[in-house]
Amino acid sequence: MTRLRLPHALLALGLVTGPPLQAAAQQPLSASDWLSGSIQSPPRESSGWRPGAGAPADAQRPTPGAPPVAETGAVGKVAVTRLDRADPDRAGTVSARAAGLPADLWAGSETARLAALIGQTPSRLPAMNALLRRVLTAQLTPPKGAEAGQGTLFLARVDRLLDMGANTEAARLLASSGQRSPESFRRLFDVALLAGEEGRACAVMNDTPGIAPSFGARIFCLAQSGDWSAAAITFHGAETLGLIPQDRLALLAQFLDDSYVDAGQVLEPPQPVTPLDFRMHEAVGQPLPTAGLPLAFAHSDLRNNSGWKAQLEAAERLAGAGNLPRADLIAIYTSQKPAASGGVWERVAAVQTLQAALASDDTAAQAAALEAAFDQFSAAGMCNVLAVLVAADLPATLPDRAGEIAGWLRAWQGLPVSMPVTAPADLSGGEPDPLAQGPDRHGEALLIAMAQIDRGLDGDMAQAARGLATLRALGLTAEADLAQAQLTLTPLMDGT
């Protein structure tokens, strides 16, 4: 985004326009610490009270900082629900049937309990990663009695997808709710920033009063739309009232006035870095590397303005977490010829050699190329990425070690193999969780089982066996079989 140099006089203005500025120091509602902060409206009362009528009970709550008000006779509370507002907890991008899940998976559970479990369920094993995505994106019936916390489960699902780096799925889930609440929009805004599509998000913000995630976001979008004067006025007004965190003031000032470039001031990134911070650092010519940031930030390196090395490293991170289609991964690996050696360049060369060998009928070349590629990816702990790349194309007749490697990669992807892999530990003797045997709370049992299976990656095979038994008791046999195969193959794929 091109920035214009602003007259310093504009930054000295103290005018504030628009609705009252609200405090920005409140904690965001998201479980993801790096999401942008949300503007929250001051406490307001809304009722059907008319002169001559008794004040409703909920109007007796004192406004913070206001003097005490004498208590008077009150009528009972009246709950009001808009009939045209869909329940976001029912939203989803696939039907329960298409996801292979019962529509009443959440029955019998409490919303707060489910939201907590969703935030804690790990997804390191690819089989469980794929299953968790199905759970998070499916159209499931909310738990009974969830009206008071309506939307809590929905936002927990969105935030978990973002934590997994599944930005596209999160954006689709947000769109499926049909809502434009501040909580939903700030998540869509962050996804748009990371994808380089802030123009559309800013257009929505500029047309929807009160939806801006933060003052920084409002200032950013005013500047993005070309209204630099309004951006500067809003910045100075918010600064004067102390409504912008101190660690963001210098960044916003440099973003608005490019005369700071001549000063050579290097900005320390705020902690934690939000997508807005990330984009503004990029705009002022001090881009931040994504390697140390949450996985969702890696999507920004897939844009055309990133170098090939950055694209490759981001693609490997995202593919390893199930966030990049195979076709896109292959396209990035084969888009150019490596011009250097070591690290990612060795893996690129190995993939390109293997791709060429698989396109030929030379079995010896295929075997040699597969072994070389496996050694490169195994050394980097990325054999799961290699499996995504080539497992479906591997022939079943490769000799010796190459044939063994081909079997591992195909089994990792759930493809048929000629010889099963022997498990390092017994994973078949576990007892399913009692919650899986009852008439309800199957959703809790499923999430707990997935966490137990994940512990197998740390060597706790007893817990993994119990989780696998729970999956089978819930009717998820294929998912349990794939998870068991991947647990079995992990030591072989990592070269340990």
Protein backbone atom coordinates (compact mmCIF):
# COMPACT_ATOMS: atom_id res chain seq x y z
CA MET A 1 0.00 0.00 0.00
CA THR A 2 1.42 3.38 -1.05
CA ARG A 3 1.70 5.93 1.73
CA LEU A 4 1.64 9.68 1.29
CA ARG A 5 3.70 12.09 3.32
CA LEU A 6 1.44 14.06 5.61
CA PRO A 7 2.03 17.65 6.67
CA HIS A 8 3.19 17.64 10.27
CA ALA A 9 0.45 20.16 11.02
CA LEU A 10 -2.15 17.48 10.46
CA LEU A 11 -0.63 15.30 13.15
CA ALA A 12 -0.80 18.23 15.53
CA LEU A 13 -4.56 18.60 15.19
CA GLY A 14 -6.59 17.57 18.19
CA LEU A 15 -9.95 17.24 16.50
CA VAL A 16 -11.95 14.07 16.99
CA THR A 17 -14.88 13.19 14.79
CA GLY A 18 -17.38 10.35 14.71
CA PRO A 19 -18.79 8.35 17.63
CA PRO A 20 -17.28 8.58 21.11
CA LEU A 21 -13.90 6.90 21.40
CA GLN A 22 -13.94 3.84 23.61
CA ALA A 23 -11.18 2.30 25.69
CA ALA A 24 -8.90 -0.06 23.80
CA ALA A 25 -7.18 -1.63 26.78
CA GLN A 26 -9.80 -4.30 27.34
CA GLN A 27 -8.83 -7.89 26.69
CA PRO A 28 -9.95 -9.38 23.37
CA LEU A 29 -12.67 -11.98 23.47
CA SER A 30 -10.69 -14.48 21.43
CA ALA A 31 -8.74 -17.38 22.85
CA SER A 32 -6.01 -16.51 20.35
CA ASP A 33 -3.76 -13.94 21.98
CA TRP A 34 -2.58 -12.53 18.67
CA LEU A 35 -6.00 -11.54 17.35
CA SER A 36 -6.68 -7.83 17.08
CA GLY A 37 -8.26 -6.17 20.11
CA SER A 38 -11.93 -5.32 19.92
CA ILE A 39 -13.65 -2.01 20.54
CA GLN A 40 -16.32 -2.68 23.11
CA SER A 41 -19.15 -0.27 23.61
CA PRO A 42 -19.65 1.35 27.02
CA PRO A 43 -22.38 -0.15 29.21
CA ARG A 44 -25.78 0.79 27.83
CA GLU A 45 -29.32 0.09 28.91
CA SER A 46 -32.08 -0.91 26.52
CA SER A 47 -35.64 -1.40 27.62
CA GLY A 48 -39.25 -0.77 26.78
CA TRP A 49 -39.65 1.68 29.69
CA ARG A 50 -42.00 4.62 29.20
CA PRO A 51 -42.80 7.57 31.50
CA GLY A 52 -45.17 6.50 34.22
CA ALA A 53 -44.07 2.86 34.15
CA GLY A 54 -41.85 1.14 36.68
CA ALA A 55 -38.25 0.75 35.61
CA PRO A 56 -37.35 -2.83 34.60
CA ALA A 57 -35.03 -4.76 36.86
CA ASP A 58 -32.11 -4.72 34.47
CA ALA A 59 -32.20 -0.92 34.45
CA GLN A 60 -31.17 -0.88 38.12
CA ARG A 61 -27.58 -1.84 37.35
CA PRO A 62 -25.36 1.13 38.18
CA THR A 63 -23.22 2.54 35.41
CA PRO A 64 -19.53 2.26 36.36
CA GLY A 65 -18.42 5.49 37.98
CA ALA A 66 -21.97 6.80 38.39
CA PRO A 67 -23.38 7.76 41.81
CA PRO A 68 -25.67 5.21 43.51
CA VAL A 69 -29.29 5.24 42.45
CA ALA A 70 -32.11 4.60 44.88
CA GLU A 71 -33.80 1.25 44.39
CA THR A 72 -37.47 1.32 43.35
CA GLY A 73 -40.15 -1.22 42.59
CA ALA A 74 -39.11 -3.35 39.64
CA VAL A 75 -40.84 -5.71 37.23
CA GLY A 76 -39.44 -9.07 36.28
CA LYS A 77 -36.76 -9.40 33.64
CA VAL A 78 -37.94 -9.86 30.10
CA ALA A 79 -35.78 -11.85 27.69
CA VAL A 80 -35.94 -10.66 24.10
CA THR A 81 -34.61 -12.61 21.12
CA ARG A 82 -34.66 -11.32 17.57
CA LEU A 83 -36.38 -13.90 15.38
CA ASP A 84 -34.36 -12.94 12.31
CA ARG A 85 -30.97 -13.53 13.94
CA ALA A 86 -29.53 -16.97 13.24
CA ASP A 87 -27.77 -18.86 16.00
CA PRO A 88 -24.07 -18.77 15.01
CA ASP A 89 -23.41 -21.94 17.01
CA ARG A 90 -25.41 -23.82 14.35
CA ALA A 91 -23.28 -22.42 11.53
CA GLY A 92 -21.02 -24.65 9.50
CA THR A 93 -19.57 -25.08 6.04
CA VAL A 94 -20.44 -28.78 5.69
CA SER A 95 -23.42 -30.78 6.86
CA ALA A 96 -23.01 -33.19 9.74
CA ARG A 97 -23.64 -36.07 7.35
CA ALA A 98 -20.94 -34.91 4.92
CA ALA A 99 -18.54 -34.58 7.85
CA GLY A 100 -19.34 -38.12 8.98
CA LEU A 101 -20.56 -36.93 12.37
CA PRO A 102 -23.90 -37.15 14.23
CA ALA A 103 -25.79 -33.85 14.20
CA ASP A 104 -26.35 -34.15 17.98
CA LEU A 105 -22.65 -34.61 18.77
CA TRP A 106 -22.77 -31.81 21.36
CA ALA A 107 -25.92 -33.09 23.09
CA GLY A 108 -25.71 -33.31 26.87
CA SER A 109 -22.61 -31.11 27.14
CA GLU A 110 -22.16 -27.59 28.47
CA THR A 111 -21.10 -24.87 26.06
CA ALA A 112 -18.28 -23.60 28.29
CA ARG A 113 -16.89 -27.12 28.67
CA LEU A 114 -16.95 -27.74 24.92
CA ALA A 115 -15.36 -24.37 24.15
CA ALA A 116 -12.54 -25.10 26.61
CA LEU A 117 -11.93 -28.57 25.16
CA ILE A 118 -11.89 -27.23 21.61
CA GLY A 119 -9.22 -24.71 22.57
CA GLN A 120 -7.11 -27.41 24.24
CA THR A 121 -7.42 -30.26 21.73
CA PRO A 122 -4.05 -30.75 20.00
CA SER A 123 -3.76 -31.54 16.30
CA ARG A 124 -0.17 -32.63 15.72
CA LEU A 125 -1.07 -35.97 14.17
CA PRO A 126 -2.40 -35.43 10.61
CA ALA A 127 -5.26 -37.90 11.08
CA MET A 128 -6.48 -36.01 14.14
CA ASN A 129 -5.86 -32.67 12.46
CA ALA A 130 -8.23 -33.65 9.64
CA LEU A 131 -10.82 -34.97 12.08
CA LEU A 132 -10.71 -31.83 14.20
CA ARG A 133 -11.29 -29.69 11.11
CA ARG A 134 -14.42 -31.71 10.34
CA VAL A 135 -15.67 -31.22 13.88
CA LEU A 136 -15.01 -27.47 13.80
CA THR A 137 -16.63 -26.83 10.41
CA ALA A 138 -19.65 -29.16 10.65
CA GLN A 139 -23.23 -27.95 11.11
CA LEU A 140 -24.00 -29.44 14.52
CA THR A 141 -26.90 -28.82 16.88
CA PRO A 142 -25.79 -26.62 19.81
CA PRO A 143 -26.07 -28.00 23.34
CA LYS A 144 -29.38 -27.50 25.10
CA GLY A 145 -29.53 -24.44 27.31
CA ALA A 146 -26.80 -22.66 25.32
CA GLU A 147 -28.94 -19.60 24.58
CA ALA A 148 -27.32 -17.54 27.34
CA GLY A 149 -23.87 -18.03 25.85
CA GLN A 150 -24.97 -17.98 22.23
CA GLY A 151 -22.00 -17.61 19.92
CA THR A 152 -19.44 -18.83 22.45
CA LEU A 153 -19.05 -22.22 20.79
CA PHE A 154 -18.95 -20.62 17.35
CA LEU A 155 -16.12 -18.24 18.25
CA ALA A 156 -14.20 -21.06 19.95
CA ARG A 157 -14.39 -23.04 16.71
CA VAL A 158 -13.22 -20.08 14.62
CA ASP A 159 -10.34 -19.30 16.97
CA ARG A 160 -9.19 -22.92 17.00
CA LEU A 161 -9.12 -22.95 13.20
CA LEU A 162 -7.05 -19.77 13.23
CA ASP A 163 -4.66 -21.25 15.78
CA MET A 164 -4.27 -24.25 13.45
CA GLY A 165 -3.43 -21.92 10.57
CA ALA A 166 -6.64 -22.87 8.77
CA ASN A 167 -7.37 -19.30 7.70
CA THR A 168 -9.52 -20.21 4.71
CA GLU A 169 -11.75 -22.56 6.71
CA ALA A 170 -12.07 -19.95 9.46
CA ALA A 171 -13.13 -17.28 6.97
CA ARG A 172 -15.69 -19.60 5.40
CA LEU A 173 -17.08 -20.53 8.80
CA LEU A 174 -17.40 -16.85 9.71
CA ALA A 175 -19.20 -16.15 6.44
CA SER A 176 -21.55 -19.09 6.97
CA SER A 177 -22.93 -17.52 10.15
CA GLY A 178 -24.41 -14.62 8.18
CA GLN A 179 -23.47 -12.24 10.97
CA ARG A 180 -21.54 -8.99 10.96
CA SER A 181 -20.85 -8.57 14.65
CA PRO A 182 -17.67 -6.90 15.92
CA GLU A 183 -16.41 -10.25 17.24
CA SER A 184 -16.85 -11.95 13.86
CA PHE A 185 -15.59 -9.04 11.82
CA ARG A 186 -12.31 -8.61 13.66
CA ARG A 187 -11.47 -12.21 12.85
CA LEU A 188 -12.38 -11.71 9.21
CA PHE A 189 -10.31 -8.52 9.24
CA ASP A 190 -7.25 -10.38 10.51
CA VAL A 191 -7.62 -13.12 7.89
CA ALA A 192 -7.93 -10.47 5.18
CA LEU A 193 -4.79 -8.69 6.41
CA LEU A 194 -2.76 -11.90 6.29
CA ALA A 195 -4.03 -12.66 2.78
CA GLY A 196 -3.28 -9.15 1.49
CA GLU A 197 -7.00 -8.50 0.93
CA GLU A 198 -7.46 -5.65 3.38
CA GLY A 199 -9.19 -3.51 0.76
CA ARG A 200 -12.42 -5.48 0.95
CA ALA A 201 -12.31 -5.67 4.75
CA CYS A 202 -11.70 -1.94 5.04
CA ALA A 203 -14.60 -1.24 2.70
CA VAL A 204 -16.89 -3.18 5.04
CA MET A 205 -15.48 -1.36 8.06
CA ASN A 206 -15.90 2.06 6.50
CA ASP A 207 -19.52 1.27 5.64
CA THR A 208 -20.41 -0.24 9.03
CA PRO A 209 -20.16 2.13 12.01
CA GLY A 210 -19.03 0.60 15.28
CA ILE A 211 -17.49 -2.53 13.78
CA ALA A 212 -13.82 -1.46 13.77
CA PRO A 213 -11.70 -3.94 15.77
CA SER A 214 -9.49 -1.20 17.20
CA PHE A 215 -8.49 2.41 16.70
CA GLY A 216 -5.41 1.20 14.90
CA ALA A 217 -7.60 -0.70 12.46
CA ARG A 218 -9.79 2.35 11.92
CA ILE A 219 -6.77 4.55 11.24
CA PHE A 220 -5.26 1.93 8.93
CA CYS A 221 -8.44 1.67 6.86
CA LEU A 222 -8.90 5.43 6.62
CA ALA A 223 -5.39 5.68 5.21
CA GLN A 224 -5.91 2.64 2.98
CA SER A 225 -8.92 4.30 1.43
CA GLY A 226 -6.89 7.48 0.80
CA ASP A 227 -8.37 9.66 3.56
CA TRP A 228 -5.05 10.47 5.18
CA SER A 229 -6.32 13.64 6.85
CA ALA A 230 -9.05 11.76 8.71
CA ALA A 231 -6.56 9.06 9.62
CA ALA A 232 -4.18 11.63 11.11
CA ILE A 233 -6.94 13.41 13.02
CA THR A 234 -8.24 10.12 14.44
CA PHE A 235 -4.71 9.11 15.39
CA HIS A 236 -3.96 12.30 17.29
CA GLY A 237 -7.33 12.33 19.02
CA ALA A 238 -6.94 8.71 20.16
CA GLU A 239 -3.37 9.42 21.25
CA THR A 240 -4.44 12.43 23.30
CA LEU A 241 -7.13 10.42 25.07
CA GLY A 242 -4.78 7.50 25.73
CA LEU A 243 -6.79 5.09 23.62
CA ILE A 244 -3.87 3.59 21.69
CA PRO A 245 -1.37 1.32 23.49
CA GLN A 246 2.06 2.88 23.86
CA ASP A 247 3.79 0.12 21.90
CA ARG A 248 1.59 0.92 18.86
CA LEU A 249 1.94 4.71 18.83
CA ALA A 250 5.34 4.85 17.12
CA LEU A 251 4.27 2.26 14.56
CA LEU A 252 1.12 4.17 13.65
CA ALA A 253 3.03 7.44 13.48
CA GLN A 254 5.54 5.99 11.03
CA PHE A 255 2.75 4.40 9.02
CA LEU A 256 1.02 7.76 8.61
CA ASP A 257 4.08 9.93 7.97
CA ASP A 258 6.84 8.51 5.78
CA SER A 259 9.24 11.29 6.74
CA TYR A 260 10.24 8.93 9.57
CA VAL A 261 11.98 6.79 6.97
CA ASP A 262 14.76 9.35 6.76
CA ALA A 263 15.36 9.09 10.50
CA GLY A 264 16.25 5.39 10.22
CA GLN A 265 14.39 4.47 13.40
CA VAL A 266 14.05 0.71 13.82
CA LEU A 267 10.79 -0.22 15.51
CA GLU A 268 10.55 -3.00 18.06
CA PRO A 269 7.53 -5.15 17.16
CA PRO A 270 4.71 -5.08 19.73
CA GLN A 271 4.09 -8.21 21.77
CA PRO A 272 2.11 -10.08 20.78
CA VAL A 273 2.20 -9.16 17.09
CA THR A 274 -1.27 -8.85 15.57
CA PRO A 275 -1.96 -9.13 11.83
CA LEU A 276 -2.43 -5.34 11.78
CA ASP A 277 0.99 -4.81 13.37
CA PHE A 278 2.44 -7.22 10.84
CA ARG A 279 1.02 -5.37 7.84
CA MET A 280 2.01 -1.94 9.14
CA HIS A 281 5.59 -3.09 9.75
CA GLU A 282 5.56 -4.24 6.15
CA ALA A 283 4.17 -0.88 5.00
CA VAL A 284 6.89 1.13 6.77
CA GLY A 285 9.63 -1.00 5.20
CA GLN A 286 10.42 -3.09 8.28
CA PRO A 287 8.77 -6.46 7.50
CA LEU A 288 8.70 -9.11 10.21
CA PRO A 289 9.71 -12.73 9.52
CA THR A 290 6.84 -15.16 9.97
CA ALA A 291 8.91 -18.09 11.24
CA GLY A 292 8.52 -17.09 14.89
CA LEU A 293 4.87 -16.03 14.57
CA PRO A 294 1.71 -18.16 14.82
CA LEU A 295 1.09 -20.47 11.88
CA ALA A 296 -1.72 -18.29 10.51
CA PHE A 297 0.86 -15.63 9.60
CA ALA A 298 2.63 -18.02 7.20
CA HIS A 299 -0.18 -17.47 4.67
CA SER A 300 1.11 -13.95 4.08
CA ASP A 301 4.36 -15.39 2.68
CA LEU A 302 2.45 -17.15 -0.09
CA ARG A 303 1.67 -13.82 -1.75
CA ASN A 304 3.42 -12.94 -5.00
CA ASN A 305 5.39 -10.13 -3.35
CA SER A 306 7.29 -12.66 -1.22
CA GLY A 307 10.52 -14.27 -2.36
CA TRP A 308 10.60 -17.90 -3.42
CA LYS A 309 12.50 -19.02 -0.31
CA ALA A 310 9.92 -17.40 1.96
CA GLN A 311 7.15 -19.04 -0.07
CA LEU A 312 8.83 -22.44 0.19
CA GLU A 313 9.34 -22.24 3.95
CA ALA A 314 5.77 -21.05 4.50
CA ALA A 315 4.43 -23.78 2.21
CA GLU A 316 6.28 -26.45 4.19
CA ARG A 317 4.93 -25.14 7.49
CA LEU A 318 1.38 -24.96 6.18
CA ALA A 319 1.49 -28.31 4.36
CA GLY A 320 2.81 -30.03 7.47
CA ALA A 321 -0.27 -28.77 9.33
CA GLY A 322 -2.68 -29.72 6.55
CA ASN A 323 -3.27 -26.15 5.39
CA LEU A 324 -2.04 -26.27 1.80
CA PRO A 325 -3.54 -28.31 -1.05
CA ARG A 326 -1.17 -30.79 -2.66
CA ALA A 327 -1.41 -29.10 -6.06
CA ASP A 328 -0.37 -25.74 -4.59
CA LEU A 329 2.54 -27.36 -2.74
CA ILE A 330 3.81 -29.05 -5.89
CA ALA A 331 3.46 -25.82 -7.85
CA ILE A 332 5.61 -23.92 -5.34
CA TYR A 333 8.30 -26.63 -5.23
CA THR A 334 8.57 -26.82 -9.01
CA SER A 335 8.12 -23.15 -9.97
CA GLN A 336 11.87 -22.48 -10.30
CA LYS A 337 15.25 -24.17 -10.22
CA PRO A 338 17.13 -23.92 -6.92
CA ALA A 339 19.96 -21.43 -7.22
CA ALA A 340 21.63 -22.35 -3.93
CA SER A 341 22.37 -25.38 -1.77
CA GLY A 342 21.60 -26.47 1.76
CA GLY A 343 18.38 -26.44 3.77
CA VAL A 344 15.21 -25.94 1.81
CA TRP A 345 17.11 -25.86 -1.49
CA GLU A 346 18.22 -29.48 -1.03
CA ARG A 347 14.61 -30.52 -0.49
CA VAL A 348 13.51 -28.60 -3.59
CA ALA A 349 16.18 -30.29 -5.70
CA ALA A 350 15.24 -33.71 -4.31
CA VAL A 351 11.54 -33.16 -5.05
CA GLN A 352 12.21 -31.99 -8.59
CA THR A 353 14.50 -34.97 -9.24
CA LEU A 354 11.88 -37.34 -7.82
CA GLN A 355 9.11 -35.77 -9.89
CA ALA A 356 11.17 -36.24 -13.05
CA ALA A 357 11.95 -39.86 -12.13
CA LEU A 358 8.31 -40.69 -11.43
CA ALA A 359 7.39 -39.32 -14.86
CA SER A 360 9.76 -41.84 -16.45
CA ASP A 361 9.74 -45.65 -16.57
CA ASP A 362 13.16 -45.98 -14.98
CA THR A 363 12.59 -47.98 -11.79
CA ALA A 364 16.20 -47.63 -10.66
CA ALA A 365 16.05 -43.84 -11.01
CA GLN A 366 12.75 -43.76 -9.13
CA ALA A 367 14.18 -45.81 -6.26
CA ALA A 368 17.33 -43.69 -5.99
CA ALA A 369 15.39 -40.42 -6.14
CA LEU A 370 12.88 -41.57 -3.51
CA GLU A 371 15.59 -42.63 -1.09
CA ALA A 372 17.44 -39.33 -1.54
CA ALA A 373 14.25 -37.29 -1.05
CA PHE A 374 13.26 -39.30 2.01
CA ASP A 375 16.67 -38.74 3.61
CA GLN A 376 16.44 -34.98 3.01
CA PHE A 377 12.92 -34.64 4.42
CA SER A 378 13.57 -37.04 7.30
CA ALA A 379 16.57 -34.98 8.40
CA ALA A 380 14.31 -31.93 8.57
CA GLY A 381 11.46 -33.80 10.31
CA MET A 382 9.21 -33.22 7.30
CA CYS A 383 8.45 -36.68 5.96
CA ASN A 384 4.76 -35.89 6.37
CA VAL A 385 5.24 -33.13 3.79
CA LEU A 386 6.95 -35.59 1.43
CA ALA A 387 4.03 -37.98 1.90
CA VAL A 388 1.60 -35.26 0.86
CA LEU A 389 3.73 -34.52 -2.20
CA VAL A 390 4.36 -37.96 -3.69
CA ALA A 391 2.58 -40.81 -1.85
CA ALA A 392 -0.27 -41.02 -4.36
CA ASP A 393 2.19 -41.23 -7.30
CA LEU A 394 4.54 -43.87 -5.93
CA PRO A 395 4.62 -47.25 -7.70
CA ALA A 396 4.08 -50.39 -5.64
CA THR A 397 7.02 -52.31 -7.14
CA LEU A 398 10.10 -50.38 -6.02
CA PRO A 399 12.93 -52.60 -4.76
CA ASP A 400 14.47 -52.96 -1.32
CA ARG A 401 14.61 -49.82 0.87
CA ALA A 402 12.80 -47.68 -1.69
CA GLY A 403 9.88 -50.08 -1.63
CA GLU A 404 9.79 -49.92 2.17
CA ILE A 405 9.82 -46.12 2.10
CA ALA A 406 7.05 -46.07 -0.51
CA GLY A 407 4.96 -48.29 1.77
CA TRP A 408 5.50 -45.96 4.72
CA LEU A 409 4.52 -42.87 2.78
CA ARG A 410 1.42 -44.51 1.31
CA ALA A 411 0.31 -45.87 4.70
CA TRP A 412 0.82 -42.41 6.23
CA GLN A 413 -1.66 -41.04 3.73
CA GLY A 414 -4.12 -43.89 4.29
CA LEU A 415 -3.43 -45.45 0.88
CA PRO A 416 -3.35 -49.25 0.33
CA VAL A 417 -0.03 -50.97 1.02
CA SER A 418 1.13 -54.52 0.30
CA MET A 419 2.66 -55.11 3.75
CA PRO A 420 1.38 -53.66 7.05
CA VAL A 421 3.79 -51.83 9.31
CA THR A 422 4.52 -53.49 12.65
CA ALA A 423 3.55 -51.35 15.63
CA PRO A 424 6.28 -50.51 18.19
CA ALA A 425 3.74 -50.93 21.00
CA ASP A 426 0.35 -52.53 21.49
CA LEU A 427 -2.32 -49.99 20.56
CA SER A 428 -5.29 -52.33 20.52
CA GLY A 429 -5.94 -53.03 24.20
CA GLY A 430 -7.34 -49.71 25.38
CA GLU A 431 -10.69 -49.21 27.10
CA PRO A 432 -12.97 -46.54 25.65
CA ASP A 433 -13.91 -43.50 27.71
CA PRO A 434 -17.18 -44.04 29.62
CA LEU A 435 -18.59 -40.90 28.00
CA ALA A 436 -18.51 -42.73 24.68
CA GLN A 437 -20.78 -45.46 26.06
CA GLY A 438 -23.54 -43.15 27.32
CA PRO A 439 -26.43 -41.66 25.37
CA ASP A 440 -24.94 -38.18 25.23
CA ARG A 441 -21.73 -36.15 25.71
CA HIS A 442 -20.15 -37.91 22.75
CA GLY A 443 -18.58 -34.64 21.66
CA GLU A 444 -16.65 -34.40 24.91
CA ALA A 445 -15.56 -38.02 24.58
CA LEU A 446 -14.32 -37.36 21.04
CA LEU A 447 -12.27 -34.29 21.96
CA ILE A 448 -10.76 -36.03 24.98
CA ALA A 449 -9.90 -39.07 22.84
CA MET A 450 -8.09 -36.90 20.31
CA ALA A 451 -5.95 -35.40 23.08
CA GLN A 452 -5.18 -38.89 24.38
CA ILE A 453 -4.10 -40.08 20.93
CA ASP A 454 -1.81 -37.08 20.63
CA ARG A 455 0.03 -38.21 23.75
CA GLY A 456 1.22 -41.22 21.78
CA LEU A 457 3.58 -38.86 19.95
CA ASP A 458 5.30 -38.30 23.32
CA GLY A 459 5.51 -42.02 24.04
CA ASP A 460 2.37 -42.52 26.16
CA MET A 461 0.98 -45.44 24.18
CA ALA A 462 -1.42 -46.46 26.96
CA GLN A 463 -3.29 -43.17 26.67
CA ALA A 464 -3.15 -43.38 22.88
CA ALA A 465 -4.65 -46.87 22.97
CA ARG A 466 -7.52 -45.62 25.11
CA GLY A 467 -8.17 -42.73 22.74
CA LEU A 468 -8.19 -45.08 19.75
CA ALA A 469 -10.67 -47.37 21.52
CA THR A 470 -12.92 -44.37 22.18
CA LEU A 471 -12.87 -43.38 18.50
CA ARG A 472 -13.88 -46.90 17.50
CA ALA A 473 -16.65 -46.91 20.12
CA LEU A 474 -17.94 -43.70 18.54
CA GLY A 475 -18.00 -45.32 15.12
CA LEU A 476 -14.91 -43.52 13.78
CA THR A 477 -13.06 -46.70 12.87
CA ALA A 478 -11.33 -45.43 9.73
CA GLU A 479 -10.02 -42.38 11.59
CA ALA A 480 -8.74 -44.60 14.42
CA ASP A 481 -7.01 -46.93 11.95
CA LEU A 482 -5.24 -44.04 10.22
CA ALA A 483 -4.21 -42.49 13.53
CA GLN A 484 -2.82 -45.85 14.67
CA ALA A 485 -0.86 -46.21 11.43
CA GLN A 486 0.61 -42.73 11.79
CA LEU A 487 1.58 -43.32 15.43
CA THR A 488 3.28 -46.51 14.32
CA LEU A 489 5.10 -44.82 11.45
CA THR A 490 6.25 -41.71 13.32
CA PRO A 491 9.54 -43.20 14.61
CA LEU A 492 10.32 -44.56 11.14
CA MET A 493 9.46 -41.33 9.35
CA ASP A 494 11.54 -39.24 11.77
CA GLY A 495 14.52 -41.55 11.45
CA THR A 496 14.51 -42.23 15.20
